[in-house]
PDB file of N, CA and C in Angstrom:
ATOM      1  N   ALA A   1      10.647 -40.384 -65.507  1.00  0.00           N
ATOM      2  CA  ALA A   1      11.557 -38.431 -65.483  1.00  0.00           C
ATOM      3  C   ALA A   1      11.826 -38.459 -66.995  1.00  0.00           C
ATOM      4  N   ASN A   2      12.548 -39.642 -67.721  1.00  0.00           N
ATOM      5  CA  ASN A   2      12.974 -39.398 -69.071  1.00  0.00           C
ATOM      6  C   ASN A   2      12.493 -38.668 -70.169  1.00  0.00           C
ATOM      7  N   GLN A   3      11.202 -39.027 -69.884  1.00  0.00           N
ATOM      8  CA  GLN A   3      10.263 -38.731 -71.125  1.00  0.00           C
ATOM      9  C   GLN A   3       9.550 -37.323 -70.227  1.00  0.00           C
ATOM     10  N   CYS A   4       9.502 -36.751 -69.336  1.00  0.00           N
ATOM     11  CA  CYS A   4       9.626 -36.110 -69.029  1.00  0.00           C
ATOM     12  C   CYS A   4      10.385 -34.786 -69.317  1.00  0.00           C
ATOM     13  N   ASN A   5      11.667 -34.951 -69.113  1.00  0.00           N
ATOM     14  CA  ASN A   5      12.602 -33.879 -69.302  1.00  0.00           C
ATOM     15  C   ASN A   5      12.772 -33.588 -67.859  1.00  0.00           C
ATOM     16  N   ILE A   6      13.384 -34.273 -67.189  1.00  0.00           N
ATOM     17  CA  ILE A   6      13.666 -34.011 -65.777  1.00  0.00           C
ATOM     18  C   ILE A   6      15.373 -34.084 -65.642  1.00  0.00           C
ATOM     19  N   PRO A   7      16.047 -33.589 -65.156  1.00  0.00           N
ATOM     20  CA  PRO A   7      17.660 -34.298 -64.980  1.00  0.00           C
ATOM     21  C   PRO A   7      17.115 -34.734 -63.919  1.00  0.00           C
ATOM     22  N   ALA A   8      18.038 -36.098 -64.093  1.00  0.00           N
ATOM     23  CA  ALA A   8      17.998 -36.401 -62.745  1.00  0.00           C
ATOM     24  C   ALA A   8      18.826 -36.128 -61.666  1.00  0.00           C
ATOM     25  N   ALA A   9      19.139 -35.252 -61.573  1.00  0.00           N
ATOM     26  CA  ALA A   9      19.775 -35.029 -60.167  1.00  0.00           C
ATOM     27  C   ALA A   9      18.669 -34.343 -59.316  1.00  0.00           C
ATOM     28  N   ARG A  10      17.439 -33.540 -60.283  1.00  0.00           N
ATOM     29  CA  ARG A  10      16.736 -32.784 -59.575  1.00  0.00           C
ATOM     30  C   ARG A  10      15.262 -33.940 -59.377  1.00  0.00           C
ATOM     31  N   ILE A  11      15.876 -35.314 -58.948  1.00  0.00           N
ATOM     32  CA  ILE A  11      14.022 -35.930 -58.571  1.00  0.00           C
ATOM     33  C   ILE A  11      14.740 -36.692 -57.660  1.00  0.00           C
ATOM     34  N   LEU A  12      13.605 -36.304 -56.462  1.00  0.00           N
ATOM     35  CA  LEU A  12      14.067 -36.924 -54.531  1.00  0.00           C
ATOM     36  C   LEU A  12      13.168 -38.078 -54.731  1.00  0.00           C
ATOM     37  N   GLY A  13      13.565 -38.820 -53.889  1.00  0.00           N
ATOM     38  CA  GLY A  13      12.548 -40.112 -53.379  1.00  0.00           C
ATOM     39  C   GLY A  13      12.296 -39.145 -51.799  1.00  0.00           C
ATOM     40  N   ALA A  14      11.050 -39.782 -51.878  1.00  0.00           N
ATOM     41  CA  ALA A  14      10.904 -39.521 -50.518  1.00  0.00           C
ATOM     42  C   ALA A  14       9.547 -40.982 -50.062  1.00  0.00           C
ATOM     43  N   HIS A  15      10.445 -42.227 -49.594  1.00  0.00           N
ATOM     44  CA  HIS A  15       9.975 -42.636 -49.584  1.00  0.00           C
ATOM     45  C   HIS A  15       9.473 -42.875 -47.597  1.00  0.00           C
ATOM     46  N   ASP A  16       8.692 -44.249 -47.722  1.00  0.00           N
ATOM     47  CA  ASP A  16       8.091 -44.256 -46.264  1.00  0.00           C
ATOM     48  C   ASP A  16       9.340 -43.837 -44.913  1.00  0.00           C
ATOM     49  N   VAL A  17       8.767 -43.469 -43.985  1.00  0.00           N
ATOM     50  CA  VAL A  17       9.669 -42.657 -42.746  1.00  0.00           C
ATOM     51  C   VAL A  17       8.679 -43.645 -41.447  1.00  0.00           C
ATOM     52  N   LYS A  18       9.491 -43.562 -40.873  1.00  0.00           N
ATOM     53  CA  LYS A  18       8.528 -43.967 -39.518  1.00  0.00           C
ATOM     54  C   LYS A  18       7.375 -43.146 -38.872  1.00  0.00           C
ATOM     55  N   ASN A  19       7.844 -42.197 -38.766  1.00  0.00           N
ATOM     56  CA  ASN A  19       7.640 -40.569 -38.584  1.00  0.00           C
ATOM     57  C   ASN A  19       7.467 -39.693 -39.519  1.00  0.00           C
ATOM     58  N   LEU A  20       6.565 -39.244 -39.824  1.00  0.00           N
ATOM     59  CA  LEU A  20       6.635 -37.295 -40.157  1.00  0.00           C
ATOM     60  C   LEU A  20       8.054 -36.860 -40.727  1.00  0.00           C
ATOM     61  N   PHE A  21       8.421 -36.534 -39.031  1.00  0.00           N
ATOM     62  CA  PHE A  21       9.603 -35.838 -38.404  1.00  0.00           C
ATOM     63  C   PHE A  21      10.980 -36.360 -39.435  1.00  0.00           C
ATOM     64  N   HIS A  22      11.390 -37.208 -39.625  1.00  0.00           N
ATOM     65  CA  HIS A  22      12.052 -37.866 -40.538  1.00  0.00           C
ATOM     66  C   HIS A  22      11.885 -37.011 -41.640  1.00  0.00           C
ATOM     67  N   VAL A  23      11.536 -36.723 -42.270  1.00  0.00           N
ATOM     68  CA  VAL A  23      11.388 -36.344 -43.423  1.00  0.00           C
ATOM     69  C   VAL A  23      12.445 -35.513 -44.330  1.00  0.00           C
ATOM     70  N   PRO A  24      12.757 -34.003 -42.889  1.00  0.00           N
ATOM     71  CA  PRO A  24      13.585 -33.350 -43.265  1.00  0.00           C
ATOM     72  C   PRO A  24      15.087 -33.600 -43.446  1.00  0.00           C
ATOM     73  N   ARG A  25      15.271 -34.968 -43.186  1.00  0.00           N
ATOM     74  CA  ARG A  25      16.946 -35.576 -43.206  1.00  0.00           C
ATOM     75  C   ARG A  25      16.610 -36.656 -43.902  1.00  0.00           C
ATOM     76  N   VAL A  26      15.047 -37.265 -44.978  1.00  0.00           N
ATOM     77  CA  VAL A  26      15.419 -37.755 -45.902  1.00  0.00           C
ATOM     78  C   VAL A  26      16.349 -36.766 -46.628  1.00  0.00           C
ATOM     79  N   LEU A  27      15.045 -35.691 -46.739  1.00  0.00           N
ATOM     80  CA  LEU A  27      15.354 -34.996 -48.010  1.00  0.00           C
ATOM     81  C   LEU A  27      16.943 -33.971 -47.858  1.00  0.00           C
ATOM     82  N   ALA A  28      17.663 -33.909 -46.947  1.00  0.00           N
ATOM     83  CA  ALA A  28      18.827 -33.288 -46.460  1.00  0.00           C
ATOM     84  C   ALA A  28      19.973 -34.551 -46.940  1.00  0.00           C
ATOM     85  N   ASP A  29      19.937 -35.694 -46.900  1.00  0.00           N
ATOM     86  CA  ASP A  29      20.515 -36.913 -47.311  1.00  0.00           C
ATOM     87  C   ASP A  29      20.350 -36.588 -48.427  1.00  0.00           C
ATOM     88  N   GLN A  30      19.670 -36.332 -49.877  1.00  0.00           N
ATOM     89  CA  GLN A  30      19.833 -35.941 -50.879  1.00  0.00           C
ATOM     90  C   GLN A  30      20.010 -34.924 -51.791  1.00  0.00           C
ATOM     91  N   HIS A  31      20.384 -33.659 -50.002  1.00  0.00           N
ATOM     92  CA  HIS A  31      21.072 -32.559 -51.032  1.00  0.00           C
ATOM     93  C   HIS A  31      19.981 -31.733 -51.408  1.00  0.00           C
ATOM     94  N   VAL A  32      18.335 -31.547 -50.873  1.00  0.00           N
ATOM     95  CA  VAL A  32      17.168 -30.738 -51.355  1.00  0.00           C
ATOM     96  C   VAL A  32      17.741 -29.222 -51.271  1.00  0.00           C
ATOM     97  N   VAL A  33      17.948 -28.969 -50.238  1.00  0.00           N
ATOM     98  CA  VAL A  33      19.163 -27.261 -50.184  1.00  0.00           C
ATOM     99  C   VAL A  33      19.726 -26.971 -51.519  1.00  0.00           C
ATOM    100  N   GLY A  34      20.539 -27.640 -51.224  1.00  0.00           N
ATOM    101  CA  GLY A  34      21.401 -27.690 -52.378  1.00  0.00           C
ATOM    102  C   GLY A  34      20.770 -27.381 -53.780  1.00  0.00           C
ATOM    103  N   LEU A  35      19.810 -28.340 -53.839  1.00  0.00           N
ATOM    104  CA  LEU A  35      19.260 -28.327 -55.599  1.00  0.00           C
ATOM    105  C   LEU A  35      18.334 -26.969 -55.328  1.00  0.00           C
ATOM    106  N   LEU A  36      17.676 -26.915 -54.153  1.00  0.00           N
ATOM    107  CA  LEU A  36      16.676 -25.447 -54.246  1.00  0.00           C
ATOM    108  C   LEU A  36      17.433 -24.220 -54.459  1.00  0.00           C
ATOM    109  N   ASN A  37      18.309 -24.398 -54.013  1.00  0.00           N
ATOM    110  CA  ASN A  37      19.026 -22.560 -53.381  1.00  0.00           C
ATOM    111  C   ASN A  37      19.786 -22.355 -54.991  1.00  0.00           C
ATOM    112  N   GLY A  38      19.964 -23.427 -55.894  1.00  0.00           N
ATOM    113  CA  GLY A  38      20.086 -23.089 -57.005  1.00  0.00           C
ATOM    114  C   GLY A  38      19.308 -22.779 -57.862  1.00  0.00           C
ATOM    115  N   ILE A  39      18.202 -23.573 -57.682  1.00  0.00           N
ATOM    116  CA  ILE A  39      17.491 -22.806 -58.813  1.00  0.00           C
ATOM    117  C   ILE A  39      16.256 -22.456 -58.214  1.00  0.00           C
ATOM    118  N   LEU A  40      16.269 -21.241 -56.884  1.00  0.00           N
ATOM    119  CA  LEU A  40      15.078 -20.483 -56.810  1.00  0.00           C
ATOM    120  C   LEU A  40      16.238 -19.175 -56.130  1.00  0.00           C
ATOM    121  N   GLN A  41      17.376 -19.513 -56.113  1.00  0.00           N
ATOM    122  CA  GLN A  41      18.432 -18.682 -55.896  1.00  0.00           C
ATOM    123  C   GLN A  41      17.997 -17.672 -53.970  1.00  0.00           C
ATOM    124  N   LEU A  42      18.397 -18.227 -53.483  1.00  0.00           N
ATOM    125  CA  LEU A  42      17.796 -18.212 -51.845  1.00  0.00           C
ATOM    126  C   LEU A  42      18.728 -17.865 -51.158  1.00  0.00           C
ATOM    127  N   ASN A  43      20.115 -17.552 -51.732  1.00  0.00           N
ATOM    128  CA  ASN A  43      21.370 -17.193 -51.474  1.00  0.00           C
ATOM    129  C   ASN A  43      20.641 -15.341 -51.180  1.00  0.00           C
ATOM    130  N   ASN A  44      19.629 -14.916 -52.033  1.00  0.00           N
ATOM    131  CA  ASN A  44      19.942 -13.805 -52.617  1.00  0.00           C
ATOM    132  C   ASN A  44      18.791 -13.275 -51.067  1.00  0.00           C
ATOM    133  N   LEU A  45      18.125 -13.862 -50.815  1.00  0.00           N
ATOM    134  CA  LEU A  45      16.754 -13.833 -49.654  1.00  0.00           C
ATOM    135  C   LEU A  45      17.397 -13.132 -48.368  1.00  0.00           C
ATOM    136  N   ASP A  46      16.617 -12.338 -47.358  1.00  0.00           N
ATOM    137  CA  ASP A  46      17.094 -12.146 -45.987  1.00  0.00           C
ATOM    138  C   ASP A  46      16.177 -12.901 -45.373  1.00  0.00           C
ATOM    139  N   VAL A  47      17.368 -13.523 -44.774  1.00  0.00           N
ATOM    140  CA  VAL A  47      16.582 -14.753 -43.745  1.00  0.00           C
ATOM    141  C   VAL A  47      16.524 -14.242 -42.262  1.00  0.00           C
ATOM    142  N   THR A  48      16.326 -12.962 -41.733  1.00  0.00           N
ATOM    143  CA  THR A  48      16.444 -12.358 -40.879  1.00  0.00           C
ATOM    144  C   THR A  48      15.439 -12.525 -40.171  1.00  0.00           C
ATOM    145  N   PRO A  49      15.093 -13.564 -38.563  1.00  0.00           N
ATOM    146  CA  PRO A  49      14.453 -13.453 -38.066  1.00  0.00           C
ATOM    147  C   PRO A  49      13.264 -12.443 -37.400  1.00  0.00           C
ATOM    148  N   ALA A  50      12.002 -12.440 -37.572  1.00  0.00           N
ATOM    149  CA  ALA A  50      11.158 -11.444 -37.339  1.00  0.00           C
ATOM    150  C   ALA A  50      11.532 -11.375 -36.228  1.00  0.00           C
ATOM    151  N   ARG A  51      11.020 -10.375 -35.410  1.00  0.00           N
ATOM    152  CA  ARG A  51      11.282 -10.116 -33.939  1.00  0.00           C
ATOM    153  C   ARG A  51       9.856 -10.871 -32.636  1.00  0.00           C
ATOM    154  N   PHE A  52       8.775 -10.998 -33.584  1.00  0.00           N
ATOM    155  CA  PHE A  52       8.279 -11.906 -32.650  1.00  0.00           C
ATOM    156  C   PHE A  52       8.443 -13.305 -32.601  1.00  0.00           C
ATOM    157  N   MET A  53       9.406 -14.107 -33.592  1.00  0.00           N
ATOM    158  CA  MET A  53       9.467 -15.498 -33.982  1.00  0.00           C
ATOM    159  C   MET A  53      11.471 -15.767 -33.328  1.00  0.00           C
ATOM    160  N   SER A  54      12.151 -14.687 -32.979  1.00  0.00           N
ATOM    161  CA  SER A  54      13.296 -14.810 -32.567  1.00  0.00           C
ATOM    162  C   SER A  54      12.671 -15.632 -31.170  1.00  0.00           C
ATOM    163  N   ARG A  55      12.535 -15.906 -30.373  1.00  0.00           N
ATOM    164  CA  ARG A  55      12.418 -16.244 -29.195  1.00  0.00           C
ATOM    165  C   ARG A  55      11.524 -17.684 -29.427  1.00  0.00           C
ATOM    166  N   ASP A  56      11.022 -17.459 -30.567  1.00  0.00           N
ATOM    167  CA  ASP A  56      10.092 -18.873 -30.422  1.00  0.00           C
ATOM    168  C   ASP A  56      10.587 -19.856 -31.443  1.00  0.00           C
ATOM    169  N   ILE A  57      11.720 -19.897 -31.707  1.00  0.00           N
ATOM    170  CA  ILE A  57      12.481 -20.982 -33.125  1.00  0.00           C
ATOM    171  C   ILE A  57      12.826 -21.889 -31.914  1.00  0.00           C
ATOM    172  N   VAL A  58      12.069 -23.431 -31.954  1.00  0.00           N
ATOM    173  CA  VAL A  58      12.770 -24.548 -30.832  1.00  0.00           C
ATOM    174  C   VAL A  58      13.470 -24.525 -32.207  1.00  0.00           C
ATOM    175  N   PHE A  59      13.148 -25.410 -33.370  1.00  0.00           N
ATOM    176  CA  PHE A  59      14.503 -25.961 -34.446  1.00  0.00           C
ATOM    177  C   PHE A  59      15.458 -25.466 -35.186  1.00  0.00           C
ATOM    178  N   ARG A  60      16.110 -25.218 -34.695  1.00  0.00           N
ATOM    179  CA  ARG A  60      17.167 -24.583 -34.951  1.00  0.00           C
ATOM    180  C   ARG A  60      18.031 -24.889 -36.049  1.00  0.00           C
ATOM    181  N   SER A  61      18.154 -26.323 -35.995  1.00  0.00           N
ATOM    182  CA  SER A  61      18.931 -26.892 -37.165  1.00  0.00           C
ATOM    183  C   SER A  61      18.820 -28.429 -37.572  1.00  0.00           C
ATOM    184  N   LEU A  62      19.092 -28.965 -38.400  1.00  0.00           N
ATOM    185  CA  LEU A  62      18.165 -30.557 -38.920  1.00  0.00           C
ATOM    186  C   LEU A  62      18.426 -31.675 -37.478  1.00  0.00           C
ATOM    187  N   ASN A  63      19.729 -30.943 -37.133  1.00  0.00           N
ATOM    188  CA  ASN A  63      19.936 -32.003 -35.436  1.00  0.00           C
ATOM    189  C   ASN A  63      18.737 -32.357 -34.886  1.00  0.00           C
ATOM    190  N   ASP A  64      18.225 -30.989 -34.482  1.00  0.00           N
ATOM    191  CA  ASP A  64      17.018 -30.481 -33.466  1.00  0.00           C
ATOM    192  C   ASP A  64      16.069 -31.598 -34.054  1.00  0.00           C
ATOM    193  N   TRP A  65      15.766 -31.439 -35.733  1.00  0.00           N
ATOM    194  CA  TRP A  65      14.532 -32.270 -36.017  1.00  0.00           C
ATOM    195  C   TRP A  65      15.131 -33.727 -35.667  1.00  0.00           C
ATOM    196  N   THR A  66      16.000 -34.222 -36.213  1.00  0.00           N
ATOM    197  CA  THR A  66      16.556 -35.495 -35.959  1.00  0.00           C
ATOM    198  C   THR A  66      16.111 -36.035 -34.370  1.00  0.00           C
ATOM    199  N   ASP A  67      16.579 -35.419 -33.696  1.00  0.00           N
ATOM    200  CA  ASP A  67      16.898 -35.617 -32.125  1.00  0.00           C
ATOM    201  C   ASP A  67      14.898 -35.807 -31.301  1.00  0.00           C
ATOM    202  N   PHE A  68      14.017 -34.214 -32.175  1.00  0.00           N
ATOM    203  CA  PHE A  68      12.686 -34.396 -32.062  1.00  0.00           C
ATOM    204  C   PHE A  68      12.509 -36.513 -33.091  1.00  0.00           C
ATOM    205  N   ALA A  69      12.340 -36.096 -34.014  1.00  0.00           N
ATOM    206  CA  ALA A  69      12.334 -37.616 -34.454  1.00  0.00           C
ATOM    207  C   ALA A  69      12.615 -38.701 -34.183  1.00  0.00           C
ATOM    208  N   LYS A  70      13.265 -38.391 -33.168  1.00  0.00           N
ATOM    209  CA  LYS A  70      13.919 -40.295 -32.312  1.00  0.00           C
ATOM    210  C   LYS A  70      12.961 -40.056 -30.915  1.00  0.00           C
ATOM    211  N   LYS A  71      12.610 -38.937 -30.254  1.00  0.00           N
ATOM    212  CA  LYS A  71      11.827 -38.962 -29.646  1.00  0.00           C
ATOM    213  C   LYS A  71      10.474 -39.184 -29.540  1.00  0.00           C
ATOM    214  N   VAL A  72       9.891 -38.969 -30.514  1.00  0.00           N
ATOM    215  CA  VAL A  72       8.553 -39.597 -31.324  1.00  0.00           C
ATOM    216  C   VAL A  72       8.405 -40.664 -31.371  1.00  0.00           C
ATOM    217  N   ASP A  73       9.792 -41.252 -32.146  1.00  0.00           N
ATOM    218  CA  ASP A  73       9.975 -43.009 -32.229  1.00  0.00           C
ATOM    219  C   ASP A  73       9.876 -43.278 -30.767  1.00  0.00           C
ATOM    220  N   LEU A  74      10.091 -42.937 -29.561  1.00  0.00           N
ATOM    221  CA  LEU A  74      10.264 -43.620 -28.409  1.00  0.00           C
ATOM    222  C   LEU A  74       9.198 -43.431 -27.902  1.00  0.00           C
ATOM    223  N   ALA A  75       8.552 -42.006 -27.998  1.00  0.00           N
ATOM    224  CA  ALA A  75       6.815 -42.171 -27.818  1.00  0.00           C
ATOM    225  C   ALA A  75       5.992 -43.317 -28.332  1.00  0.00           C
ATOM    226  N   GLU A  76       6.294 -43.428 -29.549  1.00  0.00           N
ATOM    227  CA  GLU A  76       5.593 -44.500 -29.932  1.00  0.00           C
ATOM    228  C   GLU A  76       5.826 -46.296 -29.467  1.00  0.00           C
ATOM    229  N   GLU A  77       6.718 -46.484 -28.949  1.00  0.00           N
ATOM    230  CA  GLU A  77       7.142 -47.635 -28.857  1.00  0.00           C
ATOM    231  C   GLU A  77       6.471 -47.417 -27.162  1.00  0.00           C
ATOM    232  N   SER A  78       6.301 -46.368 -26.283  1.00  0.00           N
ATOM    233  CA  SER A  78       6.457 -46.626 -25.029  1.00  0.00           C
ATOM    234  C   SER A  78       5.151 -47.489 -24.563  1.00  0.00           C
ATOM    235  N   HIS A  79       4.786 -46.858 -23.391  1.00  0.00           N
ATOM    236  CA  HIS A  79       3.215 -48.132 -23.068  1.00  0.00           C
ATOM    237  C   HIS A  79       1.764 -47.601 -23.364  1.00  0.00           C
ATOM    238  N   GLU A  80       1.084 -48.128 -23.550  1.00  0.00           N
ATOM    239  CA  GLU A  80       0.013 -47.463 -24.325  1.00  0.00           C
ATOM    240  C   GLU A  80      -1.015 -46.721 -22.994  1.00  0.00           C
ATOM    241  N   VAL A  81      -1.153 -45.308 -23.620  1.00  0.00           N
ATOM    242  CA  VAL A  81      -2.647 -44.578 -22.314  1.00  0.00           C
ATOM    243  C   VAL A  81      -3.977 -44.458 -23.086  1.00  0.00           C
ATOM    244  N   VAL A  82      -4.584 -45.274 -22.167  1.00  0.00           N
ATOM    245  CA  VAL A  82      -6.243 -45.039 -22.643  1.00  0.00           C
ATOM    246  C   VAL A  82      -6.862 -43.819 -22.222  1.00  0.00           C
ATOM    247  N   ILE A  83      -7.039 -42.868 -23.093  1.00  0.00           N
ATOM    248  CA  ILE A  83      -7.286 -41.233 -23.127  1.00  0.00           C
ATOM    249  C   ILE A  83      -9.363 -41.427 -23.364  1.00  0.00           C
ATOM    250  N   ALA A  84     -10.337 -40.992 -22.597  1.00  0.00           N
ATOM    251  CA  ALA A  84     -11.624 -41.411 -23.214  1.00  0.00           C
ATOM    252  C   ALA A  84     -12.345 -39.387 -23.268  1.00  0.00           C
ATOM    253  N   PHE A  85     -12.682 -39.199 -24.240  1.00  0.00           N
ATOM    254  CA  PHE A  85     -13.037 -37.633 -24.009  1.00  0.00           C
ATOM    255  C   PHE A  85     -14.383 -37.980 -24.905  1.00  0.00           C
ATOM    256  N   VAL A  86     -15.360 -37.173 -24.411  1.00  0.00           N
ATOM    257  CA  VAL A  86     -17.135 -37.038 -25.558  1.00  0.00           C
ATOM    258  C   VAL A  86     -17.258 -36.174 -26.050  1.00  0.00           C
ATOM    259  N   GLY A  87     -17.544 -36.024 -26.986  1.00  0.00           N
ATOM    260  CA  GLY A  87     -18.013 -35.107 -28.297  1.00  0.00           C
ATOM    261  C   GLY A  87     -19.336 -35.531 -29.331  1.00  0.00           C
ATOM    262  N   LYS A  88     -19.709 -34.214 -29.448  1.00  0.00           N
ATOM    263  CA  LYS A  88     -21.089 -34.210 -30.287  1.00  0.00           C
ATOM    264  C   LYS A  88     -20.547 -34.502 -31.495  1.00  0.00           C
ATOM    265  N   TYR A  89     -19.729 -34.694 -32.356  1.00  0.00           N
ATOM    266  CA  TYR A  89     -19.568 -35.142 -33.639  1.00  0.00           C
ATOM    267  C   TYR A  89     -19.131 -36.390 -33.557  1.00  0.00           C
ATOM    268  N   ASN A  90     -19.275 -37.230 -33.081  1.00  0.00           N
ATOM    269  CA  ASN A  90     -18.537 -38.693 -33.329  1.00  0.00           C
ATOM    270  C   ASN A  90     -18.765 -39.399 -34.836  1.00  0.00           C
ATOM    271  N   LYS A  91     -20.548 -39.248 -34.845  1.00  0.00           N
ATOM    272  CA  LYS A  91     -20.885 -40.036 -36.082  1.00  0.00           C
ATOM    273  C   LYS A  91     -19.875 -39.488 -36.961  1.00  0.00           C
ATOM    274  N   GLY A  92     -19.743 -40.341 -38.264  1.00  0.00           N
ATOM    275  CA  GLY A  92     -19.263 -39.753 -39.533  1.00  0.00           C
ATOM    276  C   GLY A  92     -17.752 -39.780 -39.980  1.00  0.00           C
ATOM    277  N   GLY A  93     -16.593 -40.067 -38.600  1.00  0.00           N
ATOM    278  CA  GLY A  93     -15.618 -40.603 -38.938  1.00  0.00           C
ATOM    279  C   GLY A  93     -14.807 -39.685 -37.531  1.00  0.00           C
ATOM    280  N   GLY A  94     -13.939 -39.971 -37.404  1.00  0.00           N
ATOM    281  CA  GLY A  94     -12.916 -39.040 -37.095  1.00  0.00           C
ATOM    282  C   GLY A  94     -12.099 -38.120 -36.868  1.00  0.00           C
ATOM    283  N   ASP A  95     -12.868 -37.587 -38.157  1.00  0.00           N
ATOM    284  CA  ASP A  95     -11.914 -36.806 -38.532  1.00  0.00           C
ATOM    285  C   ASP A  95     -12.138 -35.143 -37.892  1.00  0.00           C
ATOM    286  N   ALA A  96     -13.211 -35.202 -37.132  1.00  0.00           N
ATOM    287  CA  ALA A  96     -14.224 -33.556 -35.985  1.00  0.00           C
ATOM    288  C   ALA A  96     -13.142 -33.629 -35.279  1.00  0.00           C
ATOM    289  N   TYR A  97     -12.120 -34.322 -34.700  1.00  0.00           N
ATOM    290  CA  TYR A  97     -10.827 -34.075 -33.065  1.00  0.00           C
ATOM    291  C   TYR A  97      -9.881 -34.818 -33.476  1.00  0.00           C
ATOM    292  N   GLN A  98      -9.240 -34.326 -35.269  1.00  0.00           N
ATOM    293  CA  GLN A  98      -8.036 -35.225 -35.497  1.00  0.00           C
ATOM    294  C   GLN A  98      -7.337 -33.727 -34.619  1.00  0.00           C
ATOM    295  N   SER A  99      -7.942 -32.753 -35.158  1.00  0.00           N
ATOM    296  CA  SER A  99      -6.905 -31.652 -33.583  1.00  0.00           C
ATOM    297  C   SER A  99      -6.449 -32.482 -32.286  1.00  0.00           C
ATOM    298  N   VAL A 100      -8.049 -32.780 -31.775  1.00  0.00           N
ATOM    299  CA  VAL A 100      -7.873 -32.976 -30.580  1.00  0.00           C
ATOM    300  C   VAL A 100      -7.021 -34.746 -30.416  1.00  0.00           C
ATOM    301  N   ILE A 101      -6.737 -35.344 -31.276  1.00  0.00           N
ATOM    302  CA  ILE A 101      -5.918 -36.391 -31.532  1.00  0.00           C
ATOM    303  C   ILE A 101      -4.498 -36.014 -31.527  1.00  0.00           C
ATOM    304  N   ALA A 102      -3.880 -35.261 -32.911  1.00  0.00           N
ATOM    305  CA  ALA A 102      -2.821 -34.856 -32.879  1.00  0.00           C
ATOM    306  C   ALA A 102      -2.498 -34.437 -31.780  1.00  0.00           C
ATOM    307  N   SER A 103      -3.014 -32.724 -30.798  1.00  0.00           N
ATOM    308  CA  SER A 103      -2.302 -32.583 -29.976  1.00  0.00           C
ATOM    309  C   SER A 103      -1.797 -33.421 -28.656  1.00  0.00           C
ATOM    310  N   LEU A 104      -2.657 -34.563 -28.563  1.00  0.00           N
ATOM    311  CA  LEU A 104      -2.848 -35.338 -26.962  1.00  0.00           C
ATOM    312  C   LEU A 104      -1.156 -36.260 -27.349  1.00  0.00           C
ATOM    313  N   HIS A 105      -1.021 -37.000 -29.386  1.00  0.00           N
ATOM    314  CA  HIS A 105       0.147 -37.467 -29.594  1.00  0.00           C
ATOM    315  C   HIS A 105       1.215 -36.292 -29.210  1.00  0.00           C
ATOM    316  N   HIS A 106       1.334 -34.964 -29.637  1.00  0.00           N
ATOM    317  CA  HIS A 106       2.275 -34.206 -29.772  1.00  0.00           C
ATOM    318  C   HIS A 106       2.541 -33.830 -27.880  1.00  0.00           C
ATOM    319  N   ALA A 107       2.263 -33.855 -27.110  1.00  0.00           N
ATOM    320  CA  ALA A 107       2.092 -34.323 -25.889  1.00  0.00           C
ATOM    321  C   ALA A 107       2.553 -35.046 -24.960  1.00  0.00           C
ATOM    322  N   ALA A 108       1.957 -36.179 -26.052  1.00  0.00           N
ATOM    323  CA  ALA A 108       2.997 -37.480 -25.135  1.00  0.00           C
ATOM    324  C   ALA A 108       4.402 -37.297 -25.709  1.00  0.00           C
ATOM    325  N   VAL A 109       4.828 -36.586 -26.473  1.00  0.00           N
ATOM    326  CA  VAL A 109       6.496 -36.883 -27.208  1.00  0.00           C
ATOM    327  C   VAL A 109       7.227 -35.594 -26.403  1.00  0.00           C
ATOM    328  N   ALA A 110       6.342 -34.899 -25.310  1.00  0.00           N
ATOM    329  CA  ALA A 110       7.168 -34.052 -24.919  1.00  0.00           C
ATOM    330  C   ALA A 110       6.988 -34.360 -23.386  1.00  0.00           C
TER     331      ALA A 110
END
């Protein structure tokens, strides 16, 4: 950072976390919102939610994210369940059904 002319206050650490949902808390602990607000002038933006989204907002605060991250941690520690499904694109890696695997993982948290 010294050789790139980046002020030390603008350096953020994004270390490994247990699951992805812990990242907002890691960034909040480093005051990233205040940093971005100072750089991007976020106070000048209209943050009124759109009509169609006003009912669907699930994560209203950082505490909601933290609670969900804890639920994900608990789900990962629970008993393993074996689910089998048949698909056409099984050769060449697991990317073809990554969205199915991700949706099952999210369903386990709910």
